[in-house]
């Protein structure tokens, strides 16, 4: 079943992470925050933007595996 992650287009090796930060970011896809639906990922992106980072170039990306 596909999952979704939030990726930064300006730095293609950076995703929003599952830990605290402003918000947390990672350069390892396996530790990126996973969402079950695209809508959930969009909500997560909105919450990250509310925490102070605007992420104007962020996008939701589908990932096929759960690793």
Protein backbone atom coordinates (compact mmCIF):
# COMPACT_ATOMS: atom_id res chain seq x y z
CA UNK A 1 0.00 0.00 0.00
CA UNK A 2 1.47 3.39 -0.89
CA UNK A 3 2.40 5.91 1.73
CA UNK A 4 3.15 9.61 1.37
CA UNK A 5 5.98 11.87 2.52
CA UNK A 6 6.59 15.62 2.32
CA UNK A 7 9.67 16.45 0.24
CA UNK A 8 11.44 19.77 -0.38
CA UNK A 9 11.89 20.47 -4.10
CA UNK A 10 14.77 22.92 -3.55
CA UNK A 11 16.72 20.16 -1.80
CA UNK A 12 15.54 16.83 -3.23
CA UNK A 13 17.25 14.80 -0.50
CA UNK A 14 15.32 16.40 2.39
CA UNK A 15 11.98 15.27 3.81
CA UNK A 16 9.97 16.29 6.87
CA UNK A 17 10.96 13.93 9.68
CA UNK A 18 8.97 12.24 12.40
CA UNK A 19 10.80 13.88 15.32
CA UNK A 20 10.50 17.30 16.94
CA UNK A 21 12.19 20.29 15.41
CA UNK A 22 11.07 23.40 13.65
CA UNK A 23 9.87 21.01 12.17
CA UNK A 24 12.30 18.11 12.07
CA UNK A 25 13.91 17.33 8.74
CA UNK A 26 15.93 14.36 7.51
CA UNK A 27 18.01 13.43 4.51
CA UNK A 28 17.20 9.72 4.93
CA UNK A 29 13.92 8.65 3.31
CA UNK A 30 13.55 5.74 5.75
CA UNK A 31 13.25 8.20 8.67
CA UNK A 32 10.86 10.59 6.94
CA UNK A 33 7.42 11.11 8.47
CA UNK A 34 5.01 8.74 6.67
CA UNK A 35 1.34 9.45 6.04
CA UNK A 36 -1.31 6.92 5.06
CA UNK A 37 -3.08 9.32 2.69
CA UNK A 38 -2.17 12.24 0.49
CA UNK A 39 -4.67 14.36 2.42
CA UNK A 40 -2.94 13.45 5.68
CA UNK A 41 0.40 14.50 4.21
CA UNK A 42 -1.07 17.83 3.14
CA UNK A 43 -2.38 18.37 6.66
CA UNK A 44 1.07 17.49 8.04
CA UNK A 45 2.64 20.02 5.69
CA UNK A 46 0.16 22.65 6.85
CA UNK A 47 1.03 21.92 10.48
CA UNK A 48 4.75 22.18 9.69
CA UNK A 49 4.13 25.55 8.08
CA UNK A 50 2.26 26.70 11.21
CA UNK A 51 5.36 25.87 13.29
CA UNK A 52 7.34 28.59 11.56
CA UNK A 53 8.78 27.09 8.39
CA UNK A 54 6.96 28.14 5.25
CA UNK A 55 8.39 25.44 2.93
CA UNK A 56 7.17 27.22 -0.23
CA UNK A 57 8.64 24.47 -2.39
CA UNK A 58 7.38 21.46 -0.42
CA UNK A 59 5.46 18.74 -2.23
CA UNK A 60 3.74 15.50 -1.29
CA UNK A 61 5.39 12.45 -2.79
CA UNK A 62 4.09 8.88 -2.93
CA UNK A 63 6.44 6.12 -1.79
CA UNK A 64 5.67 2.52 -2.62
CA UNK A 65 7.39 0.65 0.21
CA UNK A 66 6.98 0.94 3.95
CA UNK A 67 10.71 0.96 4.81
